[in-house]
């Protein structure tokens, strides 16, 4: 048998080609599997919660939270006895929206009784409240009511309370509504409209309108009130600074208001600036001052970092 002798150069070329043939699939596999690594996720954002609100240095709201940073209780301050007394307890559905509210009254701060229960239904464009009233310390039912005229937009933010249609009142007709207009998640205009026409009388219009401008700072209450209109209305949604100079109606916004223009049926248009003192370590307000027509309204917020 004859041996086939190869030239050394041919042997080198042969080995090189064989080596390239072996490692080529591995290189190709490595190339196919190499992708740009995804960016590192941002660290969790710190969550801050408003636990109490004072108006002109008088306590007004005290808020209790659960582990999901939802308000489970809102307490009222009794200025006569100087204690936190009556409160509302909230429950939420799986999507985090309010589903029930129970209203408790405390007599002499010793006896607690259930006075009202609100069951909430969310539809595509409405927020319906079914109310049961109680008596005898919550042991007996005294009546029912349905509040079905709270309208919401596609982001489930409150847009209309009441109706723009004329309805009978027994002594005449009326048109009553509160309307919220938005830019994104900020209320740019709030209109409170109360028109009455008593039979054989002259029509009466009581109107309050706010046009609002905003700062780039977040409202720490927005995550809570945006999913709980009952809480929003309890804190300040049913009231406005004028003429009572009590509370203001735009806590529903995502950002803090920097100024607003106020107009009423008997008050000419006026620009009212809103100023803040922020906490040293956050962009959340410690104090908020609204320059009103007759006096300045000062709010003080206790804001804490959630654990």
Protein backbone atom coordinates (compact mmCIF):
# COMPACT_ATOMS: atom_id res chain seq x y z
CA UNK A 1 0.00 0.00 0.00
CA UNK A 2 1.39 3.35 -1.02
CA UNK A 3 1.25 6.31 1.35
CA UNK A 4 0.03 9.64 0.06
CA UNK A 5 2.58 12.25 1.02
CA UNK A 6 1.42 15.88 1.21
CA UNK A 7 3.53 18.95 0.93
CA UNK A 8 3.94 20.75 4.30
CA UNK A 9 2.31 23.90 2.92
CA UNK A 10 -0.69 21.90 1.74
CA UNK A 11 -0.94 20.28 5.16
CA UNK A 12 -0.98 23.73 6.80
CA UNK A 13 -3.67 25.00 4.44
CA UNK A 14 -5.72 21.88 5.01
CA UNK A 15 -5.56 22.19 8.80
CA UNK A 16 -6.41 25.89 8.66
CA UNK A 17 -9.45 25.22 6.48
CA UNK A 18 -10.54 22.41 8.79
CA UNK A 19 -10.21 24.65 11.84
CA UNK A 20 -12.25 27.42 10.19
CA UNK A 21 -14.93 24.89 9.26
CA UNK A 22 -15.17 23.74 12.87
CA UNK A 23 -15.31 27.12 14.56
CA UNK A 24 -17.48 28.89 11.97
CA UNK A 25 -20.83 27.57 13.34
CA UNK A 26 -19.82 28.57 16.85
CA UNK A 27 -18.99 32.08 15.72
CA UNK A 28 -22.21 32.31 13.78
CA UNK A 29 -24.18 31.11 16.80
CA UNK A 30 -22.49 33.61 19.02
CA UNK A 31 -23.23 36.40 16.57
CA UNK A 32 -26.91 35.49 16.27
CA UNK A 33 -27.41 35.32 20.02
CA UNK A 34 -25.66 38.56 20.86
CA UNK A 35 -28.20 41.36 21.38
CA UNK A 36 -28.02 44.74 23.00
CA UNK A 37 -28.78 44.21 26.68
CA UNK A 38 -31.96 46.00 27.83
CA UNK A 39 -31.46 49.14 29.89
CA UNK A 40 -31.53 48.70 33.59
CA UNK A 41 -34.96 49.40 35.03
CA UNK A 42 -35.25 52.68 36.85
CA UNK A 43 -35.29 52.37 40.61
CA UNK A 44 -38.76 52.52 42.17
CA UNK A 45 -40.04 56.05 42.55
CA UNK A 46 -40.54 57.20 46.10
CA UNK A 47 -44.20 57.55 47.07
CA UNK A 48 -45.36 60.41 49.26
CA UNK A 49 -48.73 60.52 51.02
CA UNK A 50 -50.76 63.42 52.38
CA UNK A 51 -51.85 62.42 55.88
CA UNK A 52 -53.51 65.65 57.07
CA UNK A 53 -54.72 69.02 55.78
CA UNK A 54 -55.19 72.24 57.73
CA UNK A 55 -57.00 75.36 56.48
CA UNK A 56 -55.93 78.67 58.01
CA UNK A 57 -54.19 76.63 60.71
CA UNK A 58 -57.38 74.75 61.64
CA UNK A 59 -57.35 70.93 61.14
CA UNK A 60 -59.74 69.79 58.42
CA UNK A 61 -58.87 66.31 57.06
CA UNK A 62 -56.97 63.33 58.45
CA UNK A 63 -56.26 60.46 56.04
CA UNK A 64 -55.42 56.83 56.83
CA UNK A 65 -53.82 54.55 54.20
CA UNK A 66 -53.49 50.82 53.56
CA UNK A 67 -50.48 48.96 52.13
CA UNK A 68 -51.60 49.82 48.57
CA UNK A 69 -51.44 53.56 49.40
CA UNK A 70 -55.22 53.88 49.18
CA UNK A 71 -57.12 56.08 51.61
CA UNK A 72 -59.14 53.74 53.82
CA UNK A 73 -60.40 56.37 56.30
CA UNK A 74 -60.99 60.11 56.19
CA UNK A 75 -61.62 61.80 59.55
CA UNK A 76 -63.35 65.11 60.31
CA UNK A 77 -62.10 67.49 62.95
CA UNK A 78 -64.58 68.68 65.57
CA UNK A 79 -63.56 72.28 66.26
CA UNK A 80 -65.82 72.51 69.32
CA UNK A 81 -64.30 69.54 71.16
CA UNK A 82 -60.96 69.79 69.32
CA UNK A 83 -60.87 66.11 68.45
CA UNK A 84 -60.97 63.97 65.30
CA UNK A 85 -64.46 62.49 65.42
CA UNK A 86 -66.67 61.40 62.51
CA UNK A 87 -65.09 59.45 59.66
CA UNK A 88 -65.67 57.68 56.34
CA UNK A 89 -64.28 54.19 55.62
CA UNK A 90 -63.53 53.33 51.94
CA UNK A 91 -63.24 50.03 50.09
CA UNK A 92 -61.82 49.48 46.56
CA UNK A 93 -62.29 47.05 43.67
CA UNK A 94 -59.55 45.00 41.98
CA UNK A 95 -58.71 47.90 39.63
CA UNK A 96 -58.10 50.17 42.60
CA UNK A 97 -61.25 52.29 42.21
CA UNK A 98 -63.56 53.02 45.12
CA UNK A 99 -66.39 50.51 45.46
CA UNK A 100 -67.97 51.36 48.82
CA UNK A 101 -67.99 54.06 51.50
CA UNK A 102 -69.38 53.78 55.02
CA UNK A 103 -70.05 56.91 57.08
CA UNK A 104 -69.69 56.68 60.84
CA UNK A 105 -70.82 59.16 63.48
CA UNK A 106 -69.36 59.19 66.96
CA UNK A 107 -71.49 60.51 69.83
CA UNK A 108 -69.40 62.04 72.60
CA UNK A 109 -66.44 60.18 71.07
CA UNK A 110 -67.64 56.97 72.74
CA UNK A 111 -70.51 55.48 70.70
CA UNK A 112 -69.92 54.82 67.00
CA UNK A 113 -72.89 54.44 64.67
CA UNK A 114 -73.23 53.78 60.93
CA UNK A 115 -75.25 56.60 59.39
CA UNK A 116 -74.84 55.97 55.64
CA UNK A 117 -73.46 53.46 53.15
CA UNK A 118 -72.58 54.28 49.52
CA UNK A 119 -72.24 51.39 47.05
CA UNK A 120 -70.47 52.47 43.86
CA UNK A 121 -70.92 51.26 40.28
CA UNK A 122 -68.55 52.28 37.47
CA UNK A 123 -69.84 52.23 33.89
CA UNK A 124 -68.30 53.43 30.64
CA UNK A 125 -69.20 57.06 31.19
CA UNK A 126 -70.85 57.30 34.61
CA UNK A 127 -70.14 56.94 38.27
CA UNK A 128 -73.30 55.81 40.07
CA UNK A 129 -73.74 55.89 43.84
CA UNK A 130 -76.44 53.81 45.56
CA UNK A 131 -76.99 55.12 49.11
CA UNK A 132 -78.55 53.47 52.14
CA UNK A 133 -79.34 55.62 55.19
CA UNK A 134 -79.35 54.20 58.72
CA UNK A 135 -80.75 55.14 62.13
CA UNK A 136 -80.74 53.66 65.64
CA UNK A 137 -76.93 53.53 65.73
CA UNK A 138 -76.88 51.85 62.34
CA UNK A 139 -79.20 49.00 63.25
CA UNK A 140 -82.20 50.13 61.17
CA UNK A 141 -82.56 51.41 57.60
CA UNK A 142 -84.25 54.76 57.22
CA UNK A 143 -84.18 55.23 53.44
CA UNK A 144 -82.49 54.85 50.06
CA UNK A 145 -81.20 57.19 47.37
CA UNK A 146 -79.40 56.93 44.04
CA UNK A 147 -76.91 59.50 42.79
CA UNK A 148 -76.57 58.59 39.14
CA UNK A 149 -75.50 61.80 37.48
CA UNK A 150 -71.76 61.82 38.01
CA UNK A 151 -70.21 61.64 34.53
CA UNK A 152 -66.63 60.58 33.79
CA UNK A 153 -64.37 60.66 30.74
CA UNK A 154 -62.37 57.80 29.17
CA UNK A 155 -59.74 58.22 31.90
CA UNK A 156 -62.45 57.84 34.57
CA UNK A 157 -61.98 61.43 35.71
CA UNK A 158 -65.02 63.33 36.93
CA UNK A 159 -66.43 65.65 34.21
CA UNK A 160 -69.99 66.53 35.24
CA UNK A 161 -72.03 66.49 38.44
CA UNK A 162 -75.73 67.14 37.95
CA UNK A 163 -77.52 67.77 34.68
CA UNK A 164 -77.68 70.55 32.11
CA UNK A 165 -81.33 69.71 31.50
CA UNK A 166 -84.12 71.69 33.15
CA UNK A 167 -86.01 69.77 35.83
CA UNK A 168 -88.97 70.45 38.14
CA UNK A 169 -88.34 71.41 41.76
CA UNK A 170 -91.92 71.55 43.07
CA UNK A 171 -91.97 75.35 43.22
CA UNK A 172 -90.47 75.97 39.80
CA UNK A 173 -87.70 74.72 37.52
CA UNK A 174 -83.92 74.59 37.85
CA UNK A 175 -80.66 73.73 36.07
CA UNK A 176 -77.91 72.61 38.45
CA UNK A 177 -74.51 71.21 37.50
CA UNK A 178 -70.77 71.30 38.16
CA UNK A 179 -68.59 70.85 35.09
CA UNK A 180 -64.88 69.97 34.84
CA UNK A 181 -62.86 70.52 31.65
CA UNK A 182 -59.39 68.98 31.27
CA UNK A 183 -56.06 69.29 29.56
CA UNK A 184 -54.66 65.81 30.04
CA UNK A 185 -55.31 65.11 33.72
CA UNK A 186 -55.47 68.72 34.87
CA UNK A 187 -58.74 70.60 35.37
CA UNK A 188 -58.43 73.72 33.21
CA UNK A 189 -61.93 75.03 33.96
CA UNK A 190 -64.42 74.40 36.73
CA UNK A 191 -67.97 75.77 36.37
CA UNK A 192 -70.55 75.66 39.16
CA UNK A 193 -73.97 76.58 37.71
CA UNK A 194 -77.13 77.05 39.79
CA UNK A 195 -80.12 78.47 37.87
CA UNK A 196 -83.55 78.68 39.52
CA UNK A 197 -86.88 79.96 38.21
CA UNK A 198 -89.67 80.00 40.79
CA UNK A 199 -93.17 80.17 39.35
CA UNK A 200 -94.37 83.79 39.00
CA UNK A 201 -90.86 84.98 39.89
CA UNK A 202 -87.67 86.13 38.20
CA UNK A 203 -84.93 83.64 37.22
CA UNK A 204 -81.94 83.57 39.58
CA UNK A 205 -78.42 82.52 38.52
CA UNK A 206 -75.68 81.70 41.00
CA UNK A 207 -72.53 80.98 39.03
CA UNK A 208 -68.86 80.39 39.95
CA UNK A 209 -66.20 79.77 37.32
CA UNK A 210 -62.49 78.98 37.63
CA UNK A 211 -59.94 78.98 34.79
CA UNK A 212 -56.72 77.36 35.98
CA UNK A 213 -53.03 77.36 35.08
CA UNK A 214 -50.56 74.83 36.47
CA UNK A 215 -47.00 74.38 37.68
CA UNK A 216 -44.82 71.40 36.66
CA UNK A 217 -45.03 69.96 40.20
CA UNK A 218 -47.16 66.91 40.96
CA UNK A 219 -50.19 66.99 43.23
CA UNK A 220 -49.49 64.34 45.90
CA UNK A 221 -53.23 63.74 46.37
CA UNK A 222 -53.92 62.94 42.72
CA UNK A 223 -53.28 59.14 42.86
CA UNK A 224 -55.89 58.88 45.62
CA UNK A 225 -58.64 61.29 44.55
CA UNK A 226 -58.50 60.33 40.85
CA UNK A 227 -59.72 56.83 41.73
CA UNK A 228 -62.03 57.93 44.52
CA UNK A 229 -64.38 60.77 43.55
CA UNK A 230 -66.15 60.37 46.91
CA UNK A 231 -62.91 61.29 48.65
CA UNK A 232 -62.35 64.14 46.21
CA UNK A 233 -65.79 65.59 46.87
CA UNK A 234 -65.39 65.14 50.62
CA UNK A 235 -62.05 66.99 50.73
CA UNK A 236 -63.13 69.94 48.63
CA UNK A 237 -64.99 69.07 45.47
CA UNK A 238 -68.36 70.36 46.64
CA UNK A 239 -67.05 73.71 47.85
CA UNK A 240 -65.12 76.68 46.51
CA UNK A 241 -63.30 79.67 48.01
CA UNK A 242 -65.99 82.21 47.22
CA UNK A 243 -68.09 83.47 48.76
CA UNK A 244 -67.55 81.12 51.71
CA UNK A 245 -63.74 81.23 51.50
CA UNK A 246 -63.52 77.61 52.60
CA UNK A 247 -62.05 75.03 50.24
CA UNK A 248 -61.14 74.80 46.60
CA UNK A 249 -62.47 72.47 43.89
CA UNK A 250 -59.44 71.41 41.83
CA UNK A 251 -57.72 68.79 43.95
CA UNK A 252 -58.58 66.37 41.14
CA UNK A 253 -55.71 67.65 38.97
CA UNK A 254 -52.43 65.82 38.43
CA UNK A 255 -50.35 68.98 38.96
CA UNK A 256 -50.38 71.88 41.39
CA UNK A 257 -52.25 75.01 40.32
CA UNK A 258 -50.05 78.09 39.91
CA UNK A 259 -52.89 80.58 39.45
CA UNK A 260 -56.54 80.75 38.53
CA UNK A 261 -58.98 83.31 37.22
CA UNK A 262 -62.17 83.47 39.26
CA UNK A 263 -65.50 84.85 38.07
CA UNK A 264 -68.96 84.85 39.63
CA UNK A 265 -72.38 86.18 38.71
CA UNK A 266 -71.90 89.14 41.08
CA UNK A 267 -68.06 89.36 41.17
CA UNK A 268 -65.94 90.59 38.23
CA UNK A 269 -63.16 88.41 36.87
CA UNK A 270 -60.04 88.37 39.07
CA UNK A 271 -56.68 86.59 38.75
CA UNK A 272 -55.71 84.84 41.98
CA UNK A 273 -52.08 83.65 42.33
CA UNK A 274 -51.25 80.48 44.23
CA UNK A 275 -47.90 80.26 46.02
CA UNK A 276 -46.20 77.35 47.76
CA UNK A 277 -43.53 76.49 50.27
CA UNK A 278 -42.10 73.10 49.36
CA UNK A 279 -40.59 70.49 51.62
CA UNK A 280 -36.80 70.65 51.56
CA UNK A 281 -36.33 67.17 50.10
CA UNK A 282 -39.28 66.96 47.67
CA UNK A 283 -41.30 69.00 45.19
CA UNK A 284 -44.43 68.48 47.25
CA UNK A 285 -46.10 71.37 49.06
CA UNK A 286 -45.84 71.99 52.76
CA UNK A 287 -47.96 75.13 52.56
CA UNK A 288 -50.17 76.58 49.85
CA UNK A 289 -51.56 80.11 49.81
CA UNK A 290 -54.37 81.36 47.59
CA UNK A 291 -54.72 85.12 47.33
CA UNK A 292 -58.46 85.60 47.49
CA UNK A 293 -60.64 88.65 47.04
CA UNK A 294 -61.23 89.30 50.73
CA UNK A 295 -58.45 87.30 52.37
CA UNK A 296 -55.72 84.76 51.75
CA UNK A 297 -56.54 81.09 52.24
CA UNK A 298 -53.65 79.07 53.66
CA UNK A 299 -53.42 75.30 53.42
CA UNK A 300 -50.90 73.21 55.33
CA UNK A 301 -50.17 69.64 54.24
CA UNK A 302 -48.44 66.92 56.20
CA UNK A 303 -46.70 64.83 53.55
CA UNK A 304 -44.78 61.69 54.53
CA UNK A 305 -42.73 59.17 52.56
CA UNK A 306 -44.44 55.79 52.27
CA UNK A 307 -42.51 52.88 53.74
